[in-house]
C-alpha atoms as a PDB file:
ATOM      1  CA  MET A   1       0.000   0.000   0.000  1.00  0.00           C
ATOM      2  CA  PRO A   2       1.595   3.351  -1.042  1.00  0.00           C
ATOM      3  CA  PRO A   3       2.279   5.862   1.720  1.00  0.00           C
ATOM      4  CA  PHE A   4      -0.136   8.725   2.248  1.00  0.00           C
ATOM      5  CA  LYS A   5       0.829  11.917   0.399  1.00  0.00           C
ATOM      6  CA  PRO A   6      -0.675  15.233   1.431  1.00  0.00           C
ATOM      7  CA  ILE A   7      -2.387  17.270  -1.280  1.00  0.00           C
ATOM      8  CA  SER A   8      -0.108  19.998  -2.550  1.00  0.00           C
ATOM      9  CA  PHE A   9      -0.980  23.594  -3.398  1.00  0.00           C
ATOM     10  CA  ILE A  10      -0.950  22.831  -7.132  1.00  0.00           C
ATOM     11  CA  THR A  11      -3.372  19.954  -6.654  1.00  0.00           C
ATOM     12  CA  SER A  12      -5.617  22.224  -4.611  1.00  0.00           C
ATOM     13  CA  GLN A  13      -5.598  24.840  -7.383  1.00  0.00           C
ATOM     14  CA  TYR A  14      -6.471  22.132  -9.925  1.00  0.00           C
ATOM     15  CA  LEU A  15      -9.384  20.952  -7.801  1.00  0.00           C
ATOM     16  CA  ARG A  16     -10.676  24.511  -7.631  1.00  0.00           C
ATOM     17  CA  LYS A  17     -10.351  24.847 -11.386  1.00  0.00           C
ATOM     18  CA  VAL A  18     -12.280  21.671 -12.219  1.00  0.00           C
ATOM     19  CA  GLY A  19     -14.961  22.465  -9.637  1.00  0.00           C
ATOM     20  CA  LEU A  20     -14.300  19.610  -7.246  1.00  0.00           C
ATOM     21  CA  PRO A  21     -14.580  20.067  -3.489  1.00  0.00           C
ATOM     22  CA  GLN A  22     -12.000  22.542  -2.279  1.00  0.00           C
ATOM     23  CA  ALA A  23      -8.969  21.246  -0.402  1.00  0.00           C
ATOM     24  CA  ILE A  24      -8.228  23.236   2.749  1.00  0.00           C
ATOM     25  CA  SER A  25      -5.359  22.868   5.167  1.00  0.00           C
ATOM     26  CA  ILE A  26      -6.037  21.133   8.468  1.00  0.00           C
ATOM     27  CA  GLY A  27      -2.461  20.930   9.674  1.00  0.00           C
ATOM     28  CA  THR A  28       1.172  21.186   8.683  1.00  0.00           C
ATOM     29  CA  GLY A  29       1.462  19.665   5.227  1.00  0.00           C
ATOM     30  CA  TYR A  30      -2.002  18.005   5.299  1.00  0.00           C
ATOM     31  CA  THR A  31      -5.236  19.060   3.654  1.00  0.00           C
ATOM     32  CA  HIS A  32      -8.821  17.975   3.819  1.00  0.00           C
ATOM     33  CA  TYR A  33     -11.690  18.056   1.344  1.00  0.00           C
ATOM     34  CA  CYS A  34     -14.593  20.263   2.370  1.00  0.00           C
ATOM     35  CA  ASP A  35     -18.099  19.652   1.096  1.00  0.00           C
ATOM     36  CA  CYS A  36     -18.825  22.715  -1.043  1.00  0.00           C
ATOM     37  CA  GLY A  37     -22.190  21.507  -2.274  1.00  0.00           C
ATOM     38  CA  THR A  38     -21.073  19.047  -4.980  1.00  0.00           C
ATOM     39  CA  LYS A  39     -23.673  16.316  -5.182  1.00  0.00           C
ATOM     40  CA  ARG A  40     -24.456  13.569  -7.622  1.00  0.00           C
ATOM     41  CA  ARG A  41     -27.398  14.443  -9.812  1.00  0.00           C
ATOM     42  CA  ILE A  42     -30.482  12.308  -9.610  1.00  0.00           C
ATOM     43  CA  TYR A  43     -31.479  12.948 -13.238  1.00  0.00           C
ATOM     44  CA  PRO A  44     -29.215  13.718 -16.259  1.00  0.00           C
ATOM     45  CA  ASP A  45     -29.183  17.032 -18.115  1.00  0.00           C
ATOM     46  CA  LYS A  46     -31.839  17.793 -20.673  1.00  0.00           C
ATOM     47  CA  VAL A  47     -31.072  16.633 -24.228  1.00  0.00           C
ATOM     48  CA  ARG A  48     -32.571  17.156 -27.652  1.00  0.00           C
ATOM     49  CA  LEU A  49     -32.964  14.625 -30.429  1.00  0.00           C
ATOM     50  CA  GLY A  50     -32.189  11.963 -27.873  1.00  0.00           C
ATOM     51  CA  PHE A  51     -28.444  12.603 -27.502  1.00  0.00           C
ATOM     52  CA  ILE A  52     -27.534  16.297 -28.050  1.00  0.00           C
ATOM     53  CA  PRO A  53     -27.218  18.309 -24.814  1.00  0.00           C
ATOM     54  CA  ASP A  54     -29.619  21.216 -24.511  1.00  0.00           C
ATOM     55  CA  ASN A  55     -26.900  23.613 -23.352  1.00  0.00           C
ATOM     56  CA  TRP A  56     -25.328  23.369 -26.818  1.00  0.00           C
ATOM     57  CA  PHE A  57     -28.520  24.836 -28.283  1.00  0.00           C
ATOM     58  CA  GLN A  58     -28.600  27.467 -25.565  1.00  0.00           C
ATOM     59  CA  PHE A  59     -25.069  28.470 -26.582  1.00  0.00           C
ATOM     60  CA  PHE A  60     -26.248  29.321 -30.157  1.00  0.00           C
ATOM     61  CA  TYR A  61     -29.482  31.140 -29.247  1.00  0.00           C
ATOM     62  CA  PRO A  62     -27.977  34.523 -28.259  1.00  0.00           C
ATOM     63  CA  LYS A  63     -25.890  34.666 -31.469  1.00  0.00           C
ATOM     64  CA  THR A  64     -27.903  32.880 -34.184  1.00  0.00           C
ATOM     65  CA  GLY A  65     -31.436  32.620 -32.833  1.00  0.00           C
ATOM     66  CA  LYS A  66     -33.645  29.550 -32.629  1.00  0.00           C
ATOM     67  CA  THR A  67     -32.621  28.071 -36.005  1.00  0.00           C
ATOM     68  CA  GLY A  68     -28.897  28.576 -35.508  1.00  0.00           C
ATOM     69  CA  PRO A  69     -28.087  25.187 -33.985  1.00  0.00           C
ATOM     70  CA  TYR A  70     -30.007  23.306 -36.682  1.00  0.00           C
ATOM     71  CA  ILE A  71     -28.416  25.308 -39.525  1.00  0.00           C
ATOM     72  CA  PHE A  72     -24.999  24.746 -37.988  1.00  0.00           C
ATOM     73  CA  GLY A  73     -25.630  21.014 -37.721  1.00  0.00           C
ATOM     74  CA  LEU A  74     -26.899  20.715 -41.315  1.00  0.00           C
ATOM     75  CA  GLY A  75     -24.037  22.837 -42.619  1.00  0.00           C
ATOM     76  CA  LEU A  76     -21.488  20.768 -40.738  1.00  0.00           C
ATOM     77  CA  LEU A  77     -22.926  17.524 -42.115  1.00  0.00           C
ATOM     78  CA  ASN A  78     -23.039  18.982 -45.636  1.00  0.00           C
ATOM     79  CA  TYR A  79     -19.408  20.024 -45.317  1.00  0.00           C
ATOM     80  CA  LEU A  80     -18.334  16.604 -44.049  1.00  0.00           C
ATOM     81  CA  PHE A  81     -20.241  14.766 -46.801  1.00  0.00           C
ATOM     82  CA  SER A  82     -19.218  17.124 -49.631  1.00  0.00           C
ATOM     83  CA  LYS A  83     -15.545  17.067 -48.760  1.00  0.00           C
ATOM     84  CA  GLU A  84     -15.750  13.304 -48.207  1.00  0.00           C
ATOM     85  CA  ILE A  85     -14.356  13.717 -44.744  1.00  0.00           C
ATOM     86  CA  TYR A  86     -17.137  11.430 -43.587  1.00  0.00           C
ATOM     87  CA  VAL A  87     -17.680   8.667 -46.163  1.00  0.00           C
ATOM     88  CA  CYS A  88     -20.993   6.806 -46.131  1.00  0.00           C
ATOM     89  CA  GLU A  89     -20.187   3.137 -46.412  1.00  0.00           C
ATOM     90  CA  HIS A  90     -22.398   0.116 -45.917  1.00  0.00           C
ATOM     91  CA  GLU A  91     -21.798   0.260 -42.170  1.00  0.00           C
ATOM     92  CA  PHE A  92     -23.215   3.792 -42.127  1.00  0.00           C
ATOM     93  CA  TYR A  93     -26.628   2.604 -43.241  1.00  0.00           C
ATOM     94  CA  THR A  94     -26.393  -0.328 -40.844  1.00  0.00           C
ATOM     95  CA  GLY A  95     -25.643   2.091 -38.015  1.00  0.00           C
ATOM     96  CA  LEU A  96     -28.439   4.372 -39.194  1.00  0.00           C
ATOM     97  CA  SER A  97     -30.868   1.451 -39.175  1.00  0.00           C
ATOM     98  CA  LEU A  98     -29.693   0.411 -35.724  1.00  0.00           C
ATOM     99  CA  GLY A  99     -30.040   4.000 -34.525  1.00  0.00           C
ATOM    100  CA  ILE A 100     -33.610   4.194 -35.843  1.00  0.00           C
ATOM    101  CA  MET A 101     -34.405   0.867 -34.205  1.00  0.00           C
ATOM    102  CA  CYS A 102     -32.882   2.066 -30.919  1.00  0.00           C
ATOM    103  CA  VAL A 103     -34.925   5.275 -31.051  1.00  0.00           C
ATOM    104  CA  VAL A 104     -38.115   3.345 -31.776  1.00  0.00           C
ATOM    105  CA  ALA A 105     -37.291   0.865 -29.011  1.00  0.00           C
ATOM    106  CA  VAL A 106     -36.639   3.695 -26.567  1.00  0.00           C
ATOM    107  CA  LYS A 107     -39.867   5.455 -27.520  1.00  0.00           C
ATOM    108  CA  LYS A 108     -42.005   2.326 -27.462  1.00  0.00           C
ATOM    109  CA  LEU A 109     -40.373   0.120 -24.864  1.00  0.00           C
ATOM    110  CA  GLY A 110     -38.652   2.797 -22.788  1.00  0.00           C
ATOM    111  CA  PRO A 111     -41.687   3.779 -20.648  1.00  0.00           C
ATOM    112  CA  LYS A 112     -42.567   0.169 -19.885  1.00  0.00           C
ATOM    113  CA  PHE A 113     -38.965  -0.648 -19.039  1.00  0.00           C
ATOM    114  CA  ALA A 114     -38.795   2.474 -16.870  1.00  0.00           C
ATOM    115  CA  GLN A 115     -41.963   1.394 -15.066  1.00  0.00           C
ATOM    116  CA  TYR A 116     -40.495  -2.055 -14.539  1.00  0.00           C
ATOM    117  CA  CYS A 117     -37.282  -0.547 -13.160  1.00  0.00           C
ATOM    118  CA  ASP A 118     -39.294   1.793 -10.930  1.00  0.00           C
ATOM    119  CA  LYS A 119     -41.277  -1.153  -9.599  1.00  0.00           C
ATOM    120  CA  GLU A 120     -38.088  -3.069  -8.879  1.00  0.00           C
ATOM    121  CA  ILE A 121     -36.625  -0.023  -7.160  1.00  0.00           C
ATOM    122  CA  GLU A 122     -39.797   0.422  -5.123  1.00  0.00           C
ATOM    123  CA  LYS A 123     -39.734  -3.264  -4.250  1.00  0.00           C
ATOM    124  CA  PHE A 124     -36.116  -2.985  -3.142  1.00  0.00           C
ATOM    125  CA  GLU A 125     -36.876   0.170  -1.152  1.00  0.00           C
ATOM    126  CA  SER A 126     -39.939  -1.439   0.427  1.00  0.00           C
ATOM    127  CA  ASN A 127     -37.880  -4.476   1.460  1.00  0.00           C
ATOM    128  CA  TRP A 128     -35.209  -2.203   2.866  1.00  0.00           C
ATOM    129  CA  LYS A 129     -37.810  -0.142   4.705  1.00  0.00           C
ATOM    130  CA  LYS A 130     -39.408  -3.294   6.084  1.00  0.00           C
ATOM    131  CA  GLN A 131     -36.046  -4.518   7.333  1.00  0.00           C
ATOM    132  CA  HIS A 132     -35.333  -1.097   8.787  1.00  0.00           C
ATOM    133  CA  GLU A 133     -38.739  -0.971  10.472  1.00  0.00           C
ATOM    134  CA  ALA A 134     -38.276  -4.524  11.753  1.00  0.00           C
ATOM    135  CA  GLU A 135     -34.922  -3.556  13.241  1.00  0.00           C
ATOM    136  CA  LEU A 136     -36.462  -0.448  14.783  1.00  0.00           C
ATOM    137  CA  LYS A 137     -39.309  -2.535  16.179  1.00  0.00           C
ATOM    138  CA  ALA A 138     -36.865  -5.080  17.585  1.00  0.00           C
ATOM    139  CA  LEU A 139     -34.816  -2.327  19.191  1.00  0.00           C
ATOM    140  CA  GLN A 140     -37.984  -0.703  20.537  1.00  0.00           C
ATOM    141  CA  ASP A 141     -39.051  -4.070  21.952  1.00  0.00           C
ATOM    142  CA  LEU A 142     -35.663  -4.361  23.629  1.00  0.00           C
ATOM    143  CA  ILE A 143     -36.082  -0.868  25.071  1.00  0.00           C
ATOM    144  CA  ASP A 144     -39.589  -1.741  26.303  1.00  0.00           C
ATOM    145  CA  CYS A 145     -38.294  -4.963  27.851  1.00  0.00           C
ATOM    146  CA  GLU A 146     -35.486  -3.040  29.533  1.00  0.00           C
ATOM    147  CA  GLU A 147     -37.949  -0.477  30.908  1.00  0.00           C
ATOM    148  CA  LEU A 148     -40.196  -3.319  32.084  1.00  0.00           C
ATOM    149  CA  GLU A 149     -37.275  -5.001  33.827  1.00  0.00           C
ATOM    150  CA  GLN A 150     -36.333  -1.696  35.457  1.00  0.00           C
ATOM    151  CA  TRP A 151     -39.934  -1.309  36.616  1.00  0.00           C
ATOM    152  CA  ARG A 152     -39.870  -4.848  37.954  1.00  0.00           C
ATOM    153  CA  ALA A 153     -36.596  -4.108  39.711  1.00  0.00           C
ATOM    154  CA  GLU A 154     -38.219  -1.095  41.363  1.00  0.00           C
ATOM    155  CA  GLY A 155     -41.144  -3.335  42.325  1.00  0.00           C
ATOM    156  CA  SER A 156     -38.689  -5.842  43.791  1.00  0.00           C
ATOM    157  CA  LEU A 157     -37.225  -3.076  45.946  1.00  0.00           C
ATOM    158  CA  LEU A 158     -40.703  -2.142  47.144  1.00  0.00           C
ATOM    159  CA  LEU A 159     -41.432  -5.817  47.790  1.00  0.00           C
ATOM    160  CA  MET A 160     -38.248  -6.143  49.840  1.00  0.00           C
ATOM    161  CA  GLU A 161     -39.235  -3.084  51.889  1.00  0.00           C
ATOM    162  CA  ALA A 162     -42.701  -4.571  52.429  1.00  0.00           C
ATOM    163  CA  LYS A 163     -41.161  -7.892  53.498  1.00  0.00           C
ATOM    164  CA  LYS A 164     -38.871  -6.079  55.928  1.00  0.00           C
ATOM    165  CA  GLU A 165     -41.835  -4.229  57.417  1.00  0.00           C
ATOM    166  CA  ASN A 166     -43.770  -7.515  57.608  1.00  0.00           C
ATOM    167  CA  ILE A 167     -40.864  -9.180  59.419  1.00  0.00           C
ATOM    168  CA  GLU A 168     -40.645  -6.239  61.818  1.00  0.00           C
ATOM    169  CA  LEU A 169     -44.384  -6.531  62.485  1.00  0.00           C
ATOM    170  CA  GLN A 170     -44.015 -10.267  63.087  1.00  0.00           C
ATOM    171  CA  LEU A 171     -41.144  -9.630  65.506  1.00  0.00           C
ATOM    172  CA  GLU A 172     -43.208  -6.977  67.276  1.00  0.00           C
ATOM    173  CA  ALA A 173     -46.179  -9.363  67.505  1.00  0.00           C
ATOM    174  CA  ALA A 174     -43.934 -12.152  68.844  1.00  0.00           C
ATOM    175  CA  TYR A 175     -42.435  -9.726  71.382  1.00  0.00           C
ATOM    176  CA  ARG A 176     -45.870  -8.595  72.544  1.00  0.00           C
ATOM    177  CA  GLU A 177     -47.049 -12.199  72.720  1.00  0.00           C
ATOM    178  CA  ALA A 178     -44.016 -13.110  74.842  1.00  0.00           C
ATOM    179  CA  ILE A 179     -44.655 -10.096  77.110  1.00  0.00           C
ATOM    180  CA  MET A 180     -48.299 -11.131  77.487  1.00  0.00           C
ATOM    181  CA  GLN A 181     -47.260 -14.702  78.281  1.00  0.00           C
ATOM    182  CA  VAL A 182     -44.839 -13.435  80.932  1.00  0.00           C
ATOM    183  CA  TYR A 183     -47.588 -11.235  82.352  1.00  0.00           C
ATOM    184  CA  LYS A 184     -49.990 -14.185  82.478  1.00  0.00           C
ATOM    185  CA  ASP A 185     -47.378 -16.437  84.110  1.00  0.00           C
ATOM    186  CA  VAL A 186     -46.513 -13.818  86.739  1.00  0.00           C
ATOM    187  CA  LYS A 187     -50.208 -13.133  87.376  1.00  0.00           C
ATOM    188  CA  ASN A 188     -50.931 -16.831  87.731  1.00  0.00           C
ATOM    189  CA  ARG A 189     -48.060 -17.231  90.207  1.00  0.00           C
ATOM    190  CA  LEU A 190     -49.195 -14.205  92.191  1.00  0.00           C
ATOM    191  CA  ASP A 191     -52.775 -15.478  92.155  1.00  0.00           C
ATOM    192  CA  TYR A 192     -51.474 -18.829  93.372  1.00  0.00           C
ATOM    193  CA  GLN A 193     -49.586 -17.152  96.215  1.00  0.00           C
ATOM    194  CA  VAL A 194     -52.665 -15.086  97.131  1.00  0.00           C
ATOM    195  CA  ALA A 195     -54.856 -18.189  97.036  1.00  0.00           C
ATOM    196  CA  CYS A 196     -52.357 -20.082  99.204  1.00  0.00           C
ATOM    197  CA  ARG A 197     -52.271 -17.194 101.642  1.00  0.00           C
ATOM    198  CA  ASN A 198     -56.046 -17.035 101.790  1.00  0.00           C
ATOM    199  CA  VAL A 199     -56.311 -20.790 102.342  1.00  0.00           C
ATOM    200  CA  GLU A 200     -53.673 -20.589 105.052  1.00  0.00           C
ATOM    201  CA  GLN A 201     -55.533 -17.717 106.722  1.00  0.00           C
ATOM    202  CA  ARG A 202     -58.826 -19.597 106.557  1.00  0.00           C
ATOM    203  CA  ILE A 203     -57.253 -22.715 108.011  1.00  0.00           C
ATOM    204  CA  ASN A 204     -55.598 -20.697 110.780  1.00  0.00           C
ATOM    205  CA  HIS A 205     -58.830 -18.882 111.448  1.00  0.00           C
ATOM    206  CA  LYS A 206     -60.740 -22.152 111.571  1.00  0.00           C
ATOM    207  CA  HIS A 207     -58.243 -23.700 113.952  1.00  0.00           C
ATOM    208  CA  MET A 208     -58.222 -20.549 116.060  1.00  0.00           C
ATOM    209  CA  VAL A 209     -62.005 -20.576 116.323  1.00  0.00           C
ATOM    210  CA  SER A 210     -62.027 -24.267 117.142  1.00  0.00           C
ATOM    211  CA  TRP A 211     -59.343 -23.772 119.796  1.00  0.00           C
ATOM    212  CA  LEU A 212     -61.214 -20.849 121.336  1.00  0.00           C
ATOM    213  CA  VAL A 213     -64.434 -22.819 121.381  1.00  0.00           C
ATOM    214  CA  LYS A 214     -62.704 -25.752 123.025  1.00  0.00           C
ATOM    215  CA  GLU A 215     -60.995 -23.564 125.583  1.00  0.00           C
ATOM    216  CA  VAL A 216     -64.170 -21.680 126.386  1.00  0.00           C
ATOM    217  CA  ALA A 217     -66.090 -24.926 126.619  1.00  0.00           C
ATOM    218  CA  LYS A 218     -63.533 -26.231 129.103  1.00  0.00           C
ATOM    219  CA  GLU A 219     -63.857 -23.176 131.308  1.00  0.00           C
ATOM    220  CA  LEU A 220     -67.633 -23.212 131.333  1.00  0.00           C
ATOM    221  CA  PRO A 221     -69.405 -25.243 133.987  1.00  0.00           C
ATOM    222  CA  GLU A 222     -71.280 -28.333 132.986  1.00  0.00           C
ATOM    223  CA  ASN A 223     -74.683 -26.958 133.956  1.00  0.00           C
ATOM    224  CA  VAL A 224     -74.397 -23.848 131.776  1.00  0.00           C
ATOM    225  CA  ASP A 225     -77.339 -22.846 129.706  1.00  0.00           C
ATOM    226  CA  LYS A 226     -77.234 -24.131 126.140  1.00  0.00           C
ATOM    227  CA  ASN A 227     -78.874 -20.996 124.817  1.00  0.00           C
ATOM    228  CA  LEU A 228     -76.189 -18.847 126.369  1.00  0.00           C
ATOM    229  CA  LEU A 229     -73.536 -21.138 124.915  1.00  0.00           C
ATOM    230  CA  ALA A 230     -75.010 -20.797 121.444  1.00  0.00           C
ATOM    231  CA  LYS A 231     -75.067 -17.020 121.869  1.00  0.00           C
ATOM    232  CA  HIS A 232     -71.383 -16.971 122.786  1.00  0.00           C
ATOM    233  CA  LYS A 233     -70.563 -19.089 119.731  1.00  0.00           C
ATOM    234  CA  GLU A 234     -72.375 -16.616 117.518  1.00  0.00           C
ATOM    235  CA  ASP A 235     -70.443 -13.730 119.106  1.00  0.00           C
ATOM    236  CA  LEU A 236     -67.159 -15.533 118.494  1.00  0.00           C
ATOM    237  CA  SER A 237     -68.117 -16.190 114.884  1.00  0.00           C
ATOM    238  CA  ALA A 238     -68.940 -12.504 114.445  1.00  0.00           C
ATOM    239  CA  LEU A 239     -65.587 -11.513 115.926  1.00  0.00           C
ATOM    240  CA  ALA A 240     -63.861 -13.982 113.655  1.00  0.00           C
ATOM    241  CA  LEU A 241     -65.557 -12.441 110.651  1.00  0.00           C
ATOM    242  CA  ARG A 242     -64.436  -8.980 111.741  1.00  0.00           C
ATOM    243  CA  VAL A 243     -60.879 -10.155 112.179  1.00  0.00           C
ATOM    244  CA  LYS A 244     -60.974 -11.663 108.697  1.00  0.00           C
END
C-alpha cells in the first residue's frame, strides 16, 4: 500500500479549477476536502434529439437565434459529406438502421422498461424499509423490555421493603405475645400465692375458732345454759368475721 501523500498547493488549485470540493489545510502539510455543495445528480441534463445536450442549443441562441443550432448542424454535415471527410459506407446505413431501431425501441419500450425498473426499485426500497422498520421494532421491543425489567426491579425493591416491614411486624407481635405470656405467668403465680395465703388464713382462722371454742367450753361449767352457749358461739363467729 503506497504511503499517504498530502495534497499539494498545485493539486488544490487544480481541484478549484475543475470544480471539485475545495482542499483546505487542516495541519502542517495536510489538507482535507470540504463539502462545497457538490452532489451527484439524480437525473441527467436535458437533451434534444435523444443525444444532443440542450446547453449546446442554448449556446447558439444569443448569437444565431432559434434556427442557428439546426443550420450549424446541417451545414457541418453537408461540409463533411461534400468534402468526403465522412464517407458513407455500408456500415453507415447499418448504423443508421440500428439507430432508428434504438430510437423506436426507446420510444415504445422505454416507458414500460422504466416502469419495470421503478417497480423493482420500489420493491427494493420497500424491502429495505421493512427490514429497517423490523430492526427499529426489535430495538424498541428491547427498550420496552429493559424499561419493564427496570420497573420490575423497582417493584422488587418495594417488595423487599414490604417484606422487611412484615418481618418487623411479626417480631413486634412475637415480642408482645411473649410479654403477654410473661404477664400471664406472673399473674398466675401471684394469684397462686394469694390463694395459698387465703387458704392458710382460713385454716388458721378455723383452727383458732375451734381452739377458742374448746378452751371456752372447758372453762364453762357443765350446767351452763345451752342458749347462752349458742349465743357466745355466735359472738365468736362474728368476731372472727371482723378479724378476717
